Amino acid sequence: MTDLPRRWHIYIVDLEPGIGTKPGKQRPCVVIQPDEFGKAGLRSTVVLPLTTKIVSGNAYPLRVRIPKGICKLTKESDVLIDQILAWDNELFREDLGRLPEEIRGEIRHALREFLDLETED
């Protein structure tokens, strides 16, 4: 891939090797980092990986569901909110497209809740 990863797009990213709870293999990931960091020369991008191992019941805020067909996904997938990763831009492969605003809003809210950014200490 020659372009910089863009925020709120899903990309296939090479996450090898998988270690512990860190997912491995090439898998879809949502870019959550603002585009300005890449434009300023940062050589890595912050992402949230997706999984097709769907859990039953409500796993919010740890997971946000993305229906099959969104951004060329062939299976229903969950965004793993608790698996925030910074990955080298050279390991980004195919751009699958930009998430709809409704799902972007769900991810934003889940991140704020997971990181406890809703309240002041």
N, C-alpha and C. Protein backbone atom coordinates (compact mmCIF):
# COMPACT_ATOMS: atom_id res chain seq x y z
N MET A 1 0.84 -1.17 0.00
CA MET A 1 0.00 0.00 0.00
C MET A 1 0.89 1.24 0.00
N THR A 2 0.58 2.23 -0.80
CA THR A 2 1.42 3.41 -0.92
C THR A 2 0.87 4.61 -0.16
N ASP A 3 -0.43 4.71 0.03
CA ASP A 3 -1.04 5.83 0.75
C ASP A 3 -0.96 5.60 2.25
N LEU A 4 -1.01 6.69 3.00
CA LEU A 4 -1.04 6.58 4.46
C LEU A 4 -2.41 6.06 4.90
N PRO A 5 -2.44 5.24 5.96
CA PRO A 5 -3.73 4.79 6.49
C PRO A 5 -4.58 5.99 6.92
N ARG A 6 -5.88 5.91 6.66
CA ARG A 6 -6.80 6.99 6.96
C ARG A 6 -7.75 6.61 8.09
N ARG A 7 -8.02 7.58 8.94
CA ARG A 7 -8.89 7.37 10.10
C ARG A 7 -10.27 6.89 9.67
N TRP A 8 -10.79 5.95 10.43
CA TRP A 8 -12.12 5.35 10.28
C TRP A 8 -12.24 4.45 9.06
N HIS A 9 -11.12 4.14 8.42
CA HIS A 9 -11.11 3.14 7.35
C HIS A 9 -10.74 1.80 7.96
N ILE A 10 -11.25 0.73 7.34
CA ILE A 10 -10.83 -0.62 7.72
C ILE A 10 -9.79 -1.06 6.70
N TYR A 11 -8.67 -1.58 7.21
CA TYR A 11 -7.58 -2.09 6.38
C TYR A 11 -7.29 -3.53 6.77
N ILE A 12 -6.80 -4.29 5.81
CA ILE A 12 -6.17 -5.56 6.15
C ILE A 12 -4.75 -5.21 6.59
N VAL A 13 -4.38 -5.65 7.80
CA VAL A 13 -3.08 -5.34 8.38
C VAL A 13 -2.39 -6.64 8.75
N ASP A 14 -1.10 -6.72 8.49
CA ASP A 14 -0.30 -7.90 8.84
C ASP A 14 0.09 -7.79 10.31
N LEU A 15 -0.58 -8.56 11.19
CA LEU A 15 -0.36 -8.50 12.63
C LEU A 15 0.54 -9.61 13.16
N GLU A 16 1.25 -10.31 12.30
CA GLU A 16 2.14 -11.39 12.76
C GLU A 16 3.28 -10.81 13.57
N PRO A 17 3.78 -11.51 14.56
CA PRO A 17 3.23 -12.75 15.10
C PRO A 17 2.19 -12.46 16.17
N GLY A 18 1.27 -13.39 16.37
CA GLY A 18 0.32 -13.30 17.47
C GLY A 18 1.00 -13.76 18.75
N ILE A 19 0.90 -12.97 19.80
CA ILE A 19 1.51 -13.31 21.08
C ILE A 19 0.48 -13.07 22.18
N GLY A 20 0.26 -14.06 23.04
CA GLY A 20 -0.68 -13.91 24.14
C GLY A 20 -2.06 -13.55 23.63
N THR A 21 -2.63 -12.44 24.14
CA THR A 21 -3.96 -12.02 23.72
C THR A 21 -3.92 -11.16 22.47
N LYS A 22 -2.72 -10.82 21.97
CA LYS A 22 -2.60 -10.01 20.76
C LYS A 22 -2.93 -10.88 19.55
N PRO A 23 -3.92 -10.46 18.78
CA PRO A 23 -4.27 -11.26 17.61
C PRO A 23 -3.16 -11.29 16.57
N GLY A 24 -2.97 -12.42 15.93
CA GLY A 24 -1.97 -12.55 14.88
C GLY A 24 -2.62 -12.60 13.51
N LYS A 25 -1.87 -12.93 12.51
CA LYS A 25 -2.23 -13.09 11.10
C LYS A 25 -2.66 -11.78 10.47
N GLN A 26 -2.99 -11.84 9.19
CA GLN A 26 -3.52 -10.66 8.51
C GLN A 26 -5.00 -10.59 8.84
N ARG A 27 -5.41 -9.43 9.31
CA ARG A 27 -6.82 -9.27 9.70
C ARG A 27 -7.26 -7.84 9.51
N PRO A 28 -8.57 -7.64 9.41
CA PRO A 28 -9.09 -6.28 9.30
C PRO A 28 -8.87 -5.51 10.60
N CYS A 29 -8.54 -4.23 10.46
CA CYS A 29 -8.37 -3.33 11.59
C CYS A 29 -8.98 -1.98 11.24
N VAL A 30 -9.54 -1.31 12.25
CA VAL A 30 -10.08 0.04 12.10
C VAL A 30 -9.01 1.03 12.55
N VAL A 31 -8.70 1.99 11.69
CA VAL A 31 -7.77 3.06 12.06
C VAL A 31 -8.51 4.07 12.92
N ILE A 32 -7.98 4.34 14.13
CA ILE A 32 -8.61 5.32 15.02
C ILE A 32 -7.75 6.56 15.21
N GLN A 33 -6.55 6.53 14.69
CA GLN A 33 -5.61 7.65 14.84
C GLN A 33 -5.96 8.77 13.85
N PRO A 34 -5.93 10.04 14.30
CA PRO A 34 -6.17 11.14 13.36
C PRO A 34 -5.16 11.15 12.22
N ASP A 35 -5.61 11.52 11.03
CA ASP A 35 -4.77 11.53 9.83
C ASP A 35 -3.56 12.44 9.96
N GLU A 36 -3.67 13.50 10.75
CA GLU A 36 -2.59 14.48 10.88
C GLU A 36 -1.28 13.86 11.38
N PHE A 37 -1.35 12.82 12.19
CA PHE A 37 -0.13 12.20 12.71
C PHE A 37 0.68 11.56 11.58
N GLY A 38 0.01 10.85 10.69
CA GLY A 38 0.70 10.25 9.55
C GLY A 38 1.26 11.31 8.62
N LYS A 39 0.47 12.36 8.38
CA LYS A 39 0.93 13.44 7.51
C LYS A 39 2.15 14.15 8.09
N ALA A 40 2.28 14.14 9.43
CA ALA A 40 3.42 14.78 10.10
C ALA A 40 4.65 13.88 10.13
N GLY A 41 4.51 12.64 9.62
CA GLY A 41 5.67 11.76 9.52
C GLY A 41 5.70 10.59 10.47
N LEU A 42 4.68 10.43 11.33
CA LEU A 42 4.64 9.26 12.21
C LEU A 42 4.55 8.00 11.36
N ARG A 43 5.43 7.04 11.62
CA ARG A 43 5.52 5.85 10.76
C ARG A 43 4.68 4.69 11.24
N SER A 44 3.89 4.90 12.31
CA SER A 44 2.97 3.87 12.78
C SER A 44 1.58 4.48 12.89
N THR A 45 0.58 3.60 12.97
CA THR A 45 -0.81 4.03 13.04
C THR A 45 -1.53 3.21 14.09
N VAL A 46 -2.37 3.88 14.89
CA VAL A 46 -3.12 3.22 15.96
C VAL A 46 -4.40 2.63 15.37
N VAL A 47 -4.62 1.35 15.68
CA VAL A 47 -5.76 0.61 15.13
C VAL A 47 -6.45 -0.20 16.22
N LEU A 48 -7.65 -0.65 15.87
CA LEU A 48 -8.39 -1.64 16.65
C LEU A 48 -8.64 -2.83 15.73
N PRO A 49 -8.18 -4.03 16.12
CA PRO A 49 -8.41 -5.20 15.26
C PRO A 49 -9.86 -5.66 15.32
N LEU A 50 -10.25 -6.39 14.29
CA LEU A 50 -11.58 -7.00 14.22
C LEU A 50 -11.44 -8.50 14.35
N THR A 51 -12.51 -9.13 14.84
CA THR A 51 -12.56 -10.58 14.90
C THR A 51 -13.92 -11.05 14.40
N THR A 52 -13.93 -12.26 13.83
CA THR A 52 -15.20 -12.88 13.43
C THR A 52 -15.66 -13.87 14.51
N LYS A 53 -14.91 -13.99 15.59
CA LYS A 53 -15.33 -14.82 16.73
C LYS A 53 -16.28 -13.98 17.59
N ILE A 54 -17.53 -14.00 17.17
CA ILE A 54 -18.57 -13.18 17.79
C ILE A 54 -18.95 -13.78 19.14
N VAL A 55 -19.11 -12.92 20.15
CA VAL A 55 -19.57 -13.39 21.45
C VAL A 55 -21.07 -13.19 21.53
N SER A 56 -21.73 -14.09 22.22
CA SER A 56 -23.17 -13.92 22.39
C SER A 56 -23.42 -12.94 23.52
N GLY A 57 -24.52 -12.22 23.42
CA GLY A 57 -24.84 -11.23 24.44
C GLY A 57 -24.13 -9.92 24.18
N ASN A 58 -24.32 -9.00 25.09
CA ASN A 58 -23.77 -7.66 24.95
C ASN A 58 -22.38 -7.60 25.57
N ALA A 59 -21.37 -7.34 24.77
CA ALA A 59 -19.99 -7.23 25.26
C ALA A 59 -19.52 -5.78 25.25
N TYR A 60 -20.44 -4.85 25.08
CA TYR A 60 -20.11 -3.43 25.06
C TYR A 60 -19.63 -3.01 26.44
N PRO A 61 -18.59 -2.23 26.62
CA PRO A 61 -17.84 -1.48 25.63
C PRO A 61 -16.61 -2.20 25.09
N LEU A 62 -16.45 -3.48 25.40
CA LEU A 62 -15.26 -4.20 24.92
C LEU A 62 -15.33 -4.55 23.45
N ARG A 63 -16.54 -4.60 22.89
CA ARG A 63 -16.71 -4.94 21.48
C ARG A 63 -17.82 -4.10 20.86
N VAL A 64 -17.62 -3.76 19.60
CA VAL A 64 -18.64 -3.07 18.81
C VAL A 64 -18.84 -3.91 17.56
N ARG A 65 -20.09 -4.25 17.27
CA ARG A 65 -20.44 -5.12 16.15
C ARG A 65 -20.46 -4.36 14.83
N ILE A 66 -19.91 -4.98 13.80
CA ILE A 66 -19.99 -4.46 12.44
C ILE A 66 -20.68 -5.53 11.59
N PRO A 67 -21.81 -5.20 10.99
CA PRO A 67 -22.52 -6.19 10.18
C PRO A 67 -21.75 -6.61 8.93
N LYS A 68 -22.01 -7.82 8.50
CA LYS A 68 -21.48 -8.32 7.23
C LYS A 68 -21.86 -7.36 6.12
N GLY A 69 -20.93 -7.15 5.17
CA GLY A 69 -21.20 -6.28 4.03
C GLY A 69 -20.68 -4.86 4.19
N ILE A 70 -20.49 -4.41 5.41
CA ILE A 70 -19.91 -3.09 5.64
C ILE A 70 -18.43 -3.17 5.29
N CYS A 71 -17.93 -2.24 4.52
CA CYS A 71 -16.50 -2.18 4.14
C CYS A 71 -15.99 -3.52 3.60
N LYS A 72 -16.78 -4.15 2.77
CA LYS A 72 -16.40 -5.41 2.12
C LYS A 72 -16.18 -6.57 3.08
N LEU A 73 -16.65 -6.47 4.33
CA LEU A 73 -16.49 -7.59 5.27
C LEU A 73 -17.42 -8.72 4.84
N THR A 74 -16.87 -9.92 4.76
CA THR A 74 -17.66 -11.07 4.31
C THR A 74 -18.37 -11.77 5.45
N LYS A 75 -18.02 -11.40 6.71
CA LYS A 75 -18.66 -11.97 7.89
C LYS A 75 -18.93 -10.87 8.90
N GLU A 76 -19.96 -11.09 9.71
CA GLU A 76 -20.21 -10.20 10.83
C GLU A 76 -18.96 -10.20 11.71
N SER A 77 -18.56 -9.02 12.19
CA SER A 77 -17.30 -8.91 12.94
C SER A 77 -17.48 -8.02 14.15
N ASP A 78 -16.62 -8.22 15.14
CA ASP A 78 -16.57 -7.35 16.31
C ASP A 78 -15.27 -6.58 16.32
N VAL A 79 -15.36 -5.27 16.63
CA VAL A 79 -14.17 -4.45 16.86
C VAL A 79 -13.73 -4.71 18.29
N LEU A 80 -12.46 -5.06 18.47
CA LEU A 80 -11.91 -5.37 19.79
C LEU A 80 -11.38 -4.08 20.43
N ILE A 81 -12.24 -3.41 21.17
CA ILE A 81 -11.93 -2.11 21.76
C ILE A 81 -10.75 -2.19 22.71
N ASP A 82 -10.59 -3.30 23.41
CA ASP A 82 -9.51 -3.44 24.40
C ASP A 82 -8.18 -3.88 23.80
N GLN A 83 -8.08 -3.97 22.48
CA GLN A 83 -6.85 -4.42 21.82
C GLN A 83 -6.20 -3.30 21.00
N ILE A 84 -6.08 -2.13 21.59
CA ILE A 84 -5.51 -0.96 20.91
C ILE A 84 -4.05 -1.26 20.55
N LEU A 85 -3.72 -1.11 19.27
CA LEU A 85 -2.37 -1.40 18.77
C LEU A 85 -1.85 -0.25 17.93
N ALA A 86 -0.53 -0.01 17.99
CA ALA A 86 0.13 0.90 17.06
C ALA A 86 0.96 0.01 16.14
N TRP A 87 0.72 0.11 14.84
CA TRP A 87 1.35 -0.79 13.89
C TRP A 87 2.07 -0.01 12.80
N ASP A 88 3.21 -0.53 12.36
CA ASP A 88 4.00 0.11 11.32
C ASP A 88 3.19 0.26 10.03
N ASN A 89 3.26 1.43 9.42
CA ASN A 89 2.48 1.71 8.21
C ASN A 89 2.84 0.78 7.05
N GLU A 90 4.04 0.21 7.05
CA GLU A 90 4.45 -0.71 5.98
C GLU A 90 3.65 -2.01 6.01
N LEU A 91 2.98 -2.30 7.13
CA LEU A 91 2.25 -3.56 7.28
C LEU A 91 0.77 -3.45 6.93
N PHE A 92 0.35 -2.26 6.45
CA PHE A 92 -1.03 -2.08 6.02
C PHE A 92 -1.15 -2.56 4.58
N ARG A 93 -2.16 -3.36 4.32
CA ARG A 93 -2.36 -3.93 2.99
C ARG A 93 -3.54 -3.25 2.30
N GLU A 94 -4.65 -3.92 2.18
CA GLU A 94 -5.79 -3.42 1.41
C GLU A 94 -6.71 -2.51 2.23
N ASP A 95 -7.13 -1.39 1.63
CA ASP A 95 -8.12 -0.50 2.23
C ASP A 95 -9.50 -1.04 1.86
N LEU A 96 -10.29 -1.41 2.88
CA LEU A 96 -11.62 -1.98 2.64
C LEU A 96 -12.72 -0.93 2.63
N GLY A 97 -12.39 0.32 2.98
CA GLY A 97 -13.38 1.38 2.94
C GLY A 97 -13.59 2.06 4.28
N ARG A 98 -14.39 3.12 4.25
CA ARG A 98 -14.64 3.94 5.44
C ARG A 98 -15.92 3.49 6.13
N LEU A 99 -15.85 3.43 7.46
CA LEU A 99 -17.02 3.03 8.24
C LEU A 99 -18.11 4.09 8.20
N PRO A 100 -19.37 3.66 8.23
CA PRO A 100 -20.47 4.63 8.32
C PRO A 100 -20.41 5.39 9.65
N GLU A 101 -20.94 6.59 9.66
CA GLU A 101 -20.90 7.46 10.85
C GLU A 101 -21.50 6.79 12.08
N GLU A 102 -22.58 6.05 11.93
CA GLU A 102 -23.23 5.41 13.09
C GLU A 102 -22.24 4.47 13.82
N ILE A 103 -21.50 3.69 13.07
CA ILE A 103 -20.54 2.76 13.68
C ILE A 103 -19.35 3.52 14.24
N ARG A 104 -18.91 4.57 13.56
CA ARG A 104 -17.81 5.40 14.09
C ARG A 104 -18.21 5.98 15.44
N GLY A 105 -19.45 6.44 15.56
CA GLY A 105 -19.95 6.98 16.83
C GLY A 105 -19.96 5.93 17.93
N GLU A 106 -20.37 4.71 17.60
CA GLU A 106 -20.37 3.63 18.60
C GLU A 106 -18.95 3.32 19.08
N ILE A 107 -17.99 3.32 18.14
CA ILE A 107 -16.59 3.05 18.51
C ILE A 107 -16.05 4.17 19.38
N ARG A 108 -16.33 5.43 19.01
CA ARG A 108 -15.89 6.58 19.83
C ARG A 108 -16.41 6.45 21.26
N HIS A 109 -17.70 6.18 21.38
CA HIS A 109 -18.32 6.08 22.70
C HIS A 109 -17.72 4.92 23.49
N ALA A 110 -17.53 3.77 22.84
CA ALA A 110 -16.95 2.60 23.52
C ALA A 110 -15.53 2.90 23.99
N LEU A 111 -14.74 3.59 23.17
CA LEU A 111 -13.37 3.95 23.58
C LEU A 111 -13.39 4.88 24.78
N ARG A 112 -14.26 5.88 24.76
CA ARG A 112 -14.35 6.81 25.90
C ARG A 112 -14.71 6.07 27.17
N GLU A 113 -15.68 5.15 27.06
CA GLU A 113 -16.09 4.38 28.24
C GLU A 113 -15.00 3.43 28.70
N PHE A 114 -14.38 2.69 27.77
CA PHE A 114 -13.33 1.74 28.11
C PHE A 114 -12.14 2.44 28.77
N LEU A 115 -11.76 3.61 28.25
CA LEU A 115 -10.61 4.35 28.77
C LEU A 115 -10.98 5.28 29.92
N ASP A 116 -12.24 5.25 30.34
CA ASP A 116 -12.76 6.05 31.45
C ASP A 116 -12.51 7.55 31.20
N LEU A 117 -12.84 7.99 29.99
CA LEU A 117 -12.66 9.39 29.63
C LEU A 117 -13.96 10.18 29.78
N GLU A 118 -15.00 9.53 30.28
CA GLU A 118 -16.29 10.17 30.45
C GLU A 118 -16.36 11.00 31.73
N THR A 119 -15.51 10.68 32.69
CA THR A 119 -15.57 11.33 33.99
C THR A 119 -14.25 12.01 34.32
N GLU A 120 -14.30 12.93 35.25
CA GLU A 120 -13.08 13.58 35.71
C GLU A 120 -12.64 12.93 37.01
N ASP A 121 -11.33 12.86 37.20
CA ASP A 121 -10.80 12.29 38.46
C ASP A 121 -10.69 13.36 39.52
